[in-house]
PDB file of N, CA and C in Angstrom:
ATOM      1  N   MET A   1      39.587 -46.905 -29.934  1.00  0.00           N
ATOM      2  CA  MET A   1      38.720 -48.063 -29.130  1.00  0.00           C
ATOM      3  C   MET A   1      40.420 -48.552 -28.749  1.00  0.00           C
ATOM      4  N   ASN A   2      40.615 -48.713 -27.372  1.00  0.00           N
ATOM      5  CA  ASN A   2      41.799 -49.223 -26.610  1.00  0.00           C
ATOM      6  C   ASN A   2      41.636 -50.591 -27.049  1.00  0.00           C
ATOM      7  N   MET A   3      42.603 -51.178 -27.749  1.00  0.00           N
ATOM      8  CA  MET A   3      43.101 -52.578 -28.257  1.00  0.00           C
ATOM      9  C   MET A   3      43.815 -53.663 -26.862  1.00  0.00           C
ATOM     10  N   THR A   4      43.640 -53.071 -25.722  1.00  0.00           N
ATOM     11  CA  THR A   4      44.542 -54.095 -25.005  1.00  0.00           C
ATOM     12  C   THR A   4      43.261 -54.474 -24.407  1.00  0.00           C
ATOM     13  N   ASN A   5      43.210 -56.020 -23.978  1.00  0.00           N
ATOM     14  CA  ASN A   5      42.394 -56.942 -23.276  1.00  0.00           C
ATOM     15  C   ASN A   5      40.639 -57.154 -23.932  1.00  0.00           C
ATOM     16  N   ILE A   6      40.693 -57.149 -25.082  1.00  0.00           N
ATOM     17  CA  ILE A   6      40.320 -56.908 -26.185  1.00  0.00           C
ATOM     18  C   ILE A   6      39.907 -58.703 -26.408  1.00  0.00           C
ATOM     19  N   ILE A   7      38.667 -59.225 -25.690  1.00  0.00           N
ATOM     20  CA  ILE A   7      38.078 -60.529 -26.344  1.00  0.00           C
ATOM     21  C   ILE A   7      37.191 -60.491 -27.512  1.00  0.00           C
ATOM     22  N   ARG A   8      37.295 -61.507 -28.247  1.00  0.00           N
ATOM     23  CA  ARG A   8      36.465 -62.103 -28.813  1.00  0.00           C
ATOM     24  C   ARG A   8      35.581 -63.136 -28.831  1.00  0.00           C
ATOM     25  N   THR A   9      34.551 -62.937 -28.917  1.00  0.00           N
ATOM     26  CA  THR A   9      33.454 -63.974 -28.653  1.00  0.00           C
ATOM     27  C   THR A   9      32.517 -64.382 -29.416  1.00  0.00           C
ATOM     28  N   CYS A  10      31.796 -65.227 -29.606  1.00  0.00           N
ATOM     29  CA  CYS A  10      30.195 -65.648 -30.237  1.00  0.00           C
ATOM     30  C   CYS A  10      28.918 -65.114 -29.694  1.00  0.00           C
ATOM     31  N   ILE A  11      28.330 -64.793 -30.052  1.00  0.00           N
ATOM     32  CA  ILE A  11      27.074 -64.465 -29.638  1.00  0.00           C
ATOM     33  C   ILE A  11      25.817 -65.072 -30.329  1.00  0.00           C
ATOM     34  N   THR A  12      24.928 -65.433 -29.996  1.00  0.00           N
ATOM     35  CA  THR A  12      23.664 -65.973 -31.123  1.00  0.00           C
ATOM     36  C   THR A  12      22.649 -65.060 -30.732  1.00  0.00           C
ATOM     37  N   LEU A  13      21.936 -64.883 -32.303  1.00  0.00           N
ATOM     38  CA  LEU A  13      21.006 -63.415 -31.894  1.00  0.00           C
ATOM     39  C   LEU A  13      19.949 -64.560 -32.733  1.00  0.00           C
ATOM     40  N   PRO A  14      18.580 -63.709 -32.561  1.00  0.00           N
ATOM     41  CA  PRO A  14      17.703 -64.115 -33.980  1.00  0.00           C
ATOM     42  C   PRO A  14      18.162 -63.694 -34.878  1.00  0.00           C
ATOM     43  N   GLU A  15      17.767 -64.243 -36.302  1.00  0.00           N
ATOM     44  CA  GLU A  15      18.225 -63.769 -37.244  1.00  0.00           C
ATOM     45  C   GLU A  15      17.281 -62.395 -37.972  1.00  0.00           C
ATOM     46  N   PRO A  16      15.989 -61.868 -37.324  1.00  0.00           N
ATOM     47  CA  PRO A  16      15.564 -60.646 -37.551  1.00  0.00           C
ATOM     48  C   PRO A  16      16.355 -59.472 -37.033  1.00  0.00           C
ATOM     49  N   LEU A  17      16.410 -59.934 -35.347  1.00  0.00           N
ATOM     50  CA  LEU A  17      17.434 -58.870 -34.366  1.00  0.00           C
ATOM     51  C   LEU A  17      18.877 -58.715 -35.057  1.00  0.00           C
ATOM     52  N   TRP A  18      19.785 -59.682 -35.872  1.00  0.00           N
ATOM     53  CA  TRP A  18      20.609 -59.080 -36.342  1.00  0.00           C
ATOM     54  C   TRP A  18      20.722 -58.105 -37.164  1.00  0.00           C
ATOM     55  N   GLN A  19      19.560 -58.681 -37.717  1.00  0.00           N
ATOM     56  CA  GLN A  19      19.555 -57.983 -39.410  1.00  0.00           C
ATOM     57  C   GLN A  19      18.836 -56.507 -38.944  1.00  0.00           C
ATOM     58  N   GLN A  20      18.122 -56.196 -37.997  1.00  0.00           N
ATOM     59  CA  GLN A  20      17.642 -54.574 -37.697  1.00  0.00           C
ATOM     60  C   GLN A  20      19.531 -54.079 -36.571  1.00  0.00           C
ATOM     61  N   ALA A  21      20.060 -55.116 -36.339  1.00  0.00           N
ATOM     62  CA  ALA A  21      21.350 -53.984 -35.625  1.00  0.00           C
ATOM     63  C   ALA A  21      22.161 -53.583 -36.665  1.00  0.00           C
ATOM     64  N   ARG A  22      21.942 -54.725 -37.424  1.00  0.00           N
ATOM     65  CA  ARG A  22      23.089 -54.260 -38.544  1.00  0.00           C
ATOM     66  C   ARG A  22      23.313 -52.996 -39.417  1.00  0.00           C
ATOM     67  N   LEU A  23      21.531 -53.316 -40.070  1.00  0.00           N
ATOM     68  CA  LEU A  23      21.569 -52.150 -40.758  1.00  0.00           C
ATOM     69  C   LEU A  23      20.742 -50.934 -39.488  1.00  0.00           C
ATOM     70  N   TYR A  24      20.562 -50.973 -38.327  1.00  0.00           N
ATOM     71  CA  TYR A  24      20.929 -49.976 -36.885  1.00  0.00           C
ATOM     72  C   TYR A  24      22.090 -49.207 -37.502  1.00  0.00           C
ATOM     73  N   ALA A  25      23.459 -50.251 -37.355  1.00  0.00           N
ATOM     74  CA  ALA A  25      24.993 -49.731 -36.880  1.00  0.00           C
ATOM     75  C   ALA A  25      24.958 -48.696 -38.338  1.00  0.00           C
ATOM     76  N   ALA A  26      24.693 -49.716 -39.435  1.00  0.00           N
ATOM     77  CA  ALA A  26      25.131 -48.776 -41.066  1.00  0.00           C
ATOM     78  C   ALA A  26      24.698 -47.584 -40.896  1.00  0.00           C
ATOM     79  N   ALA A  27      23.494 -47.414 -40.436  1.00  0.00           N
ATOM     80  CA  ALA A  27      22.641 -46.292 -40.643  1.00  0.00           C
ATOM     81  C   ALA A  27      23.662 -45.445 -39.738  1.00  0.00           C
ATOM     82  N   LYS A  28      23.602 -45.449 -38.503  1.00  0.00           N
ATOM     83  CA  LYS A  28      24.952 -44.868 -37.325  1.00  0.00           C
ATOM     84  C   LYS A  28      25.928 -44.619 -37.789  1.00  0.00           C
ATOM     85  N   LYS A  29      26.744 -45.134 -38.971  1.00  0.00           N
ATOM     86  CA  LYS A  29      27.870 -45.013 -39.294  1.00  0.00           C
ATOM     87  C   LYS A  29      29.106 -45.694 -38.028  1.00  0.00           C
ATOM     88  N   THR A  30      28.436 -46.521 -37.647  1.00  0.00           N
ATOM     89  CA  THR A  30      29.150 -47.411 -36.333  1.00  0.00           C
ATOM     90  C   THR A  30      29.353 -49.283 -36.626  1.00  0.00           C
ATOM     91  N   THR A  31      29.494 -49.460 -36.026  1.00  0.00           N
ATOM     92  CA  THR A  31      30.250 -51.386 -35.982  1.00  0.00           C
ATOM     93  C   THR A  31      29.011 -51.851 -35.453  1.00  0.00           C
ATOM     94  N   LEU A  32      28.923 -53.436 -35.741  1.00  0.00           N
ATOM     95  CA  LEU A  32      27.800 -54.155 -34.423  1.00  0.00           C
ATOM     96  C   LEU A  32      29.034 -53.821 -33.094  1.00  0.00           C
ATOM     97  N   SER A  33      29.988 -53.938 -32.986  1.00  0.00           N
ATOM     98  CA  SER A  33      30.903 -54.274 -31.948  1.00  0.00           C
ATOM     99  C   SER A  33      30.298 -53.558 -31.056  1.00  0.00           C
ATOM    100  N   TYR A  34      30.610 -52.232 -31.610  1.00  0.00           N
ATOM    101  CA  TYR A  34      30.739 -51.032 -30.955  1.00  0.00           C
ATOM    102  C   TYR A  34      29.422 -51.321 -30.179  1.00  0.00           C
ATOM    103  N   LEU A  35      27.903 -51.167 -30.675  1.00  0.00           N
ATOM    104  CA  LEU A  35      26.762 -51.035 -30.346  1.00  0.00           C
ATOM    105  C   LEU A  35      26.719 -51.811 -29.498  1.00  0.00           C
ATOM    106  N   ILE A  36      27.119 -53.277 -29.452  1.00  0.00           N
ATOM    107  CA  ILE A  36      26.879 -54.367 -28.086  1.00  0.00           C
ATOM    108  C   ILE A  36      27.680 -53.817 -27.133  1.00  0.00           C
ATOM    109  N   LYS A  37      29.133 -53.416 -27.062  1.00  0.00           N
ATOM    110  CA  LYS A  37      29.395 -52.944 -26.262  1.00  0.00           C
ATOM    111  C   LYS A  37      28.868 -51.566 -25.602  1.00  0.00           C
ATOM    112  N   GLU A  38      28.570 -50.451 -26.078  1.00  0.00           N
ATOM    113  CA  GLU A  38      27.612 -49.910 -25.755  1.00  0.00           C
ATOM    114  C   GLU A  38      26.525 -49.891 -24.758  1.00  0.00           C
ATOM    115  N   GLY A  39      25.320 -51.040 -25.355  1.00  0.00           N
ATOM    116  CA  GLY A  39      23.912 -51.746 -24.453  1.00  0.00           C
ATOM    117  C   GLY A  39      24.826 -52.607 -23.564  1.00  0.00           C
ATOM    118  N   LEU A  40      25.232 -53.510 -23.614  1.00  0.00           N
ATOM    119  CA  LEU A  40      26.066 -53.925 -22.666  1.00  0.00           C
ATOM    120  C   LEU A  40      26.341 -53.109 -21.116  1.00  0.00           C
ATOM    121  N   GLN A  41      27.553 -52.080 -21.859  1.00  0.00           N
ATOM    122  CA  GLN A  41      27.613 -50.974 -21.090  1.00  0.00           C
ATOM    123  C   GLN A  41      26.868 -50.136 -19.825  1.00  0.00           C
ATOM    124  N   HIS A  42      25.366 -49.985 -20.870  1.00  0.00           N
ATOM    125  CA  HIS A  42      24.408 -49.330 -20.241  1.00  0.00           C
ATOM    126  C   HIS A  42      23.693 -49.852 -19.513  1.00  0.00           C
ATOM    127  N   ARG A  43      23.308 -51.544 -19.772  1.00  0.00           N
ATOM    128  CA  ARG A  43      23.030 -52.250 -18.509  1.00  0.00           C
ATOM    129  C   ARG A  43      23.813 -52.003 -17.363  1.00  0.00           C
ATOM    130  N   ILE A  44      24.618 -52.595 -17.552  1.00  0.00           N
ATOM    131  CA  ILE A  44      25.683 -53.084 -16.624  1.00  0.00           C
ATOM    132  C   ILE A  44      25.696 -51.966 -15.572  1.00  0.00           C
ATOM    133  N   LYS A  45      25.723 -50.433 -15.821  1.00  0.00           N
ATOM    134  CA  LYS A  45      25.405 -49.785 -15.257  1.00  0.00           C
ATOM    135  C   LYS A  45      24.635 -49.144 -14.349  1.00  0.00           C
ATOM    136  N   GLY A  46      23.462 -49.953 -14.810  1.00  0.00           N
ATOM    137  CA  GLY A  46      22.167 -49.434 -14.603  1.00  0.00           C
ATOM    138  C   GLY A  46      21.279 -48.473 -15.114  1.00  0.00           C
ATOM    139  N   ASN A  47      21.923 -47.885 -16.129  1.00  0.00           N
ATOM    140  CA  ASN A  47      21.586 -46.445 -16.642  1.00  0.00           C
ATOM    141  C   ASN A  47      20.628 -46.225 -17.649  1.00  0.00           C
ATOM    142  N   TYR A  48      19.705 -47.297 -17.387  1.00  0.00           N
ATOM    143  CA  TYR A  48      18.844 -47.432 -18.216  1.00  0.00           C
ATOM    144  C   TYR A  48      17.362 -46.612 -17.834  1.00  0.00           C
ATOM    145  N   LYS A  49      16.424 -46.318 -18.409  1.00  0.00           N
ATOM    146  CA  LYS A  49      15.512 -45.086 -17.893  1.00  0.00           C
ATOM    147  C   LYS A  49      14.604 -46.201 -16.893  1.00  0.00           C
ATOM    148  N   GLY A  50      13.939 -45.318 -16.378  1.00  0.00           N
ATOM    149  CA  GLY A  50      13.032 -45.987 -15.330  1.00  0.00           C
ATOM    150  C   GLY A  50      13.976 -46.699 -14.211  1.00  0.00           C
ATOM    151  N   SER A  51      14.873 -47.176 -14.264  1.00  0.00           N
ATOM    152  CA  SER A  51      15.026 -48.293 -13.326  1.00  0.00           C
ATOM    153  C   SER A  51      15.757 -47.946 -11.872  1.00  0.00           C
ATOM    154  N   LYS A  52      15.283 -48.942 -11.532  1.00  0.00           N
ATOM    155  CA  LYS A  52      15.440 -48.622  -9.841  1.00  0.00           C
ATOM    156  C   LYS A  52      16.454 -49.435  -9.002  1.00  0.00           C
ATOM    157  N   LYS A  53      17.051 -50.379  -9.895  1.00  0.00           N
ATOM    158  CA  LYS A  53      17.792 -51.409 -10.113  1.00  0.00           C
ATOM    159  C   LYS A  53      19.246 -50.778  -9.246  1.00  0.00           C
ATOM    160  N   HIS A  54      20.188 -51.491  -8.649  1.00  0.00           N
ATOM    161  CA  HIS A  54      21.169 -51.532  -8.691  1.00  0.00           C
ATOM    162  C   HIS A  54      22.297 -52.275  -9.620  1.00  0.00           C
ATOM    163  N   SER A  55      23.168 -51.292  -9.999  1.00  0.00           N
ATOM    164  CA  SER A  55      24.319 -51.930 -11.042  1.00  0.00           C
ATOM    165  C   SER A  55      24.982 -53.507 -10.846  1.00  0.00           C
ATOM    166  N   PHE A  56      25.171 -54.399 -11.629  1.00  0.00           N
ATOM    167  CA  PHE A  56      25.738 -55.675 -11.553  1.00  0.00           C
ATOM    168  C   PHE A  56      27.040 -55.376 -10.529  1.00  0.00           C
ATOM    169  N   LEU A  57      27.479 -54.408 -10.756  1.00  0.00           N
ATOM    170  CA  LEU A  57      29.191 -54.425 -10.001  1.00  0.00           C
ATOM    171  C   LEU A  57      28.859 -53.919  -8.408  1.00  0.00           C
ATOM    172  N   GLU A  58      28.009 -52.862  -8.416  1.00  0.00           N
ATOM    173  CA  GLU A  58      27.491 -52.389  -7.379  1.00  0.00           C
ATOM    174  C   GLU A  58      26.995 -53.752  -6.465  1.00  0.00           C
ATOM    175  N   LEU A  59      26.165 -54.345  -6.558  1.00  0.00           N
ATOM    176  CA  LEU A  59      25.709 -55.963  -6.354  1.00  0.00           C
ATOM    177  C   LEU A  59      27.237 -56.934  -5.732  1.00  0.00           C
ATOM    178  N   ALA A  60      27.624 -56.961  -6.710  1.00  0.00           N
ATOM    179  CA  ALA A  60      29.081 -57.909  -6.534  1.00  0.00           C
ATOM    180  C   ALA A  60      29.515 -56.852  -5.491  1.00  0.00           C
ATOM    181  N   GLY A  61      29.739 -56.433  -5.209  1.00  0.00           N
ATOM    182  CA  GLY A  61      30.510 -55.280  -4.233  1.00  0.00           C
ATOM    183  C   GLY A  61      29.973 -55.512  -2.875  1.00  0.00           C
ATOM    184  N   SER A  62      28.594 -55.684  -2.789  1.00  0.00           N
ATOM    185  CA  SER A  62      28.228 -55.927  -1.802  1.00  0.00           C
ATOM    186  C   SER A  62      28.125 -57.274  -1.033  1.00  0.00           C
ATOM    187  N   LEU A  63      28.484 -58.340  -1.854  1.00  0.00           N
ATOM    188  CA  LEU A  63      28.238 -59.476  -1.140  1.00  0.00           C
ATOM    189  C   LEU A  63      29.615 -59.723   0.242  1.00  0.00           C
ATOM    190  N   ASP A  64      28.853 -60.469   1.117  1.00  0.00           N
ATOM    191  CA  ASP A  64      30.109 -60.844   1.904  1.00  0.00           C
ATOM    192  C   ASP A  64      29.560 -62.588   1.976  1.00  0.00           C
ATOM    193  N   LEU A  65      30.848 -62.927   1.398  1.00  0.00           N
ATOM    194  CA  LEU A  65      31.091 -64.455   1.548  1.00  0.00           C
ATOM    195  C   LEU A  65      31.118 -65.204   2.866  1.00  0.00           C
ATOM    196  N   LYS A  66      31.991 -64.001   3.620  1.00  0.00           N
ATOM    197  CA  LYS A  66      32.626 -64.391   4.832  1.00  0.00           C
ATOM    198  C   LYS A  66      33.658 -65.386   4.599  1.00  0.00           C
ATOM    199  N   GLY A  67      34.644 -65.329   3.735  1.00  0.00           N
ATOM    200  CA  GLY A  67      35.497 -66.211   3.068  1.00  0.00           C
ATOM    201  C   GLY A  67      34.951 -67.371   2.330  1.00  0.00           C
ATOM    202  N   LYS A  68      34.018 -67.578   1.706  1.00  0.00           N
ATOM    203  CA  LYS A  68      33.299 -69.010   1.245  1.00  0.00           C
ATOM    204  C   LYS A  68      33.724 -68.748  -0.453  1.00  0.00           C
ATOM    205  N   GLU A  69      33.693 -69.785  -0.951  1.00  0.00           N
ATOM    206  CA  GLU A  69      33.429 -69.593  -2.357  1.00  0.00           C
ATOM    207  C   GLU A  69      32.381 -69.230  -2.829  1.00  0.00           C
ATOM    208  N   PRO A  70      31.930 -68.728  -3.816  1.00  0.00           N
ATOM    209  CA  PRO A  70      30.953 -68.411  -4.460  1.00  0.00           C
ATOM    210  C   PRO A  70      29.935 -69.489  -4.889  1.00  0.00           C
ATOM    211  N   PRO A  71      28.640 -69.925  -4.897  1.00  0.00           N
ATOM    212  CA  PRO A  71      28.178 -71.074  -5.140  1.00  0.00           C
ATOM    213  C   PRO A  71      28.064 -71.256  -6.420  1.00  0.00           C
ATOM    214  N   THR A  72      27.944 -72.042  -6.992  1.00  0.00           N
ATOM    215  CA  THR A  72      27.999 -72.575  -8.448  1.00  0.00           C
ATOM    216  C   THR A  72      26.566 -72.282  -9.216  1.00  0.00           C
ATOM    217  N   ARG A  73      26.847 -71.743 -10.303  1.00  0.00           N
ATOM    218  CA  ARG A  73      25.721 -71.450 -11.858  1.00  0.00           C
ATOM    219  C   ARG A  73      24.369 -73.243 -11.050  1.00  0.00           C
ATOM    220  N   ALA A  74      25.389 -73.905 -10.665  1.00  0.00           N
ATOM    221  CA  ALA A  74      24.203 -75.333 -10.435  1.00  0.00           C
ATOM    222  C   ALA A  74      23.756 -75.387  -9.033  1.00  0.00           C
ATOM    223  N   GLU A  75      24.323 -74.240  -8.260  1.00  0.00           N
ATOM    224  CA  GLU A  75      23.840 -74.626  -6.987  1.00  0.00           C
ATOM    225  C   GLU A  75      22.671 -73.449  -7.027  1.00  0.00           C
ATOM    226  N   ILE A  76      23.095 -72.368  -7.023  1.00  0.00           N
ATOM    227  CA  ILE A  76      22.274 -71.172  -7.264  1.00  0.00           C
ATOM    228  C   ILE A  76      20.994 -71.778  -8.248  1.00  0.00           C
ATOM    229  N   TYR A  77      20.462 -72.736  -9.224  1.00  0.00           N
ATOM    230  CA  TYR A  77      19.652 -72.753 -10.041  1.00  0.00           C
ATOM    231  C   TYR A  77      18.773 -74.131  -9.059  1.00  0.00           C
ATOM    232  N   GLU A  78      19.686 -74.713  -8.198  1.00  0.00           N
ATOM    233  CA  GLU A  78      19.212 -75.529  -7.424  1.00  0.00           C
ATOM    234  C   GLU A  78      18.305 -74.617  -6.221  1.00  0.00           C
ATOM    235  N   GLU A  79      18.823 -73.836  -5.661  1.00  0.00           N
ATOM    236  CA  GLU A  79      18.293 -73.209  -5.029  1.00  0.00           C
ATOM    237  C   GLU A  79      17.037 -72.322  -5.283  1.00  0.00           C
ATOM    238  N   HIS A  80      17.511 -71.404  -6.361  1.00  0.00           N
ATOM    239  CA  HIS A  80      15.920 -71.078  -7.337  1.00  0.00           C
ATOM    240  C   HIS A  80      14.426 -72.009  -7.131  1.00  0.00           C
ATOM    241  N   LEU A  81      15.183 -73.289  -7.814  1.00  0.00           N
ATOM    242  CA  LEU A  81      13.788 -74.223  -7.857  1.00  0.00           C
ATOM    243  C   LEU A  81      13.485 -74.948  -6.684  1.00  0.00           C
ATOM    244  N   LYS A  82      14.276 -74.662  -5.684  1.00  0.00           N
ATOM    245  CA  LYS A  82      13.971 -75.055  -4.260  1.00  0.00           C
ATOM    246  C   LYS A  82      12.300 -74.130  -3.999  1.00  0.00           C
ATOM    247  N   HIS A  83      13.142 -72.757  -3.800  1.00  0.00           N
ATOM    248  CA  HIS A  83      12.242 -71.478  -3.794  1.00  0.00           C
ATOM    249  C   HIS A  83      11.009 -71.380  -4.457  1.00  0.00           C
ATOM    250  N   LYS A  84      11.061 -71.563  -5.948  1.00  0.00           N
ATOM    251  CA  LYS A  84       9.836 -71.908  -6.735  1.00  0.00           C
ATOM    252  C   LYS A  84       9.129 -72.615  -6.332  1.00  0.00           C
ATOM    253  N   MET A  85       9.250 -74.026  -5.854  1.00  0.00           N
ATOM    254  CA  MET A  85       8.500 -74.904  -5.792  1.00  0.00           C
ATOM    255  C   MET A  85       7.808 -75.195  -4.324  1.00  0.00           C
ATOM    256  N   GLY A  86       8.621 -74.065  -3.503  1.00  0.00           N
ATOM    257  CA  GLY A  86       7.992 -74.004  -1.617  1.00  0.00           C
ATOM    258  C   GLY A  86       8.290 -74.762  -0.618  1.00  0.00           C
ATOM    259  N   ARG A  87       9.730 -75.015  -0.969  1.00  0.00           N
ATOM    260  CA  ARG A  87      10.487 -76.075  -0.466  1.00  0.00           C
ATOM    261  C   ARG A  87      11.384 -75.360   0.281  1.00  0.00           C
TER     262      ARG A  87
END
């Protein structure tokens, strides 16, 4: 594994999922970090079975913000609520 630009982070998992993942990693003779990295790469690339969704990177590259700053998370959520409530 290339050790340049490695980020250490903390994630929250339900204990049963953590136990299953830990046992799975041991059975496959790999690490939990590797499993998480592979899973994220797989989802981001959109390579999961039956998916017709575009990958996140494809979607991000297709956005035309016309020089504006992207909306904040709060603004996106507010718009989501307005749409959901039919306003």
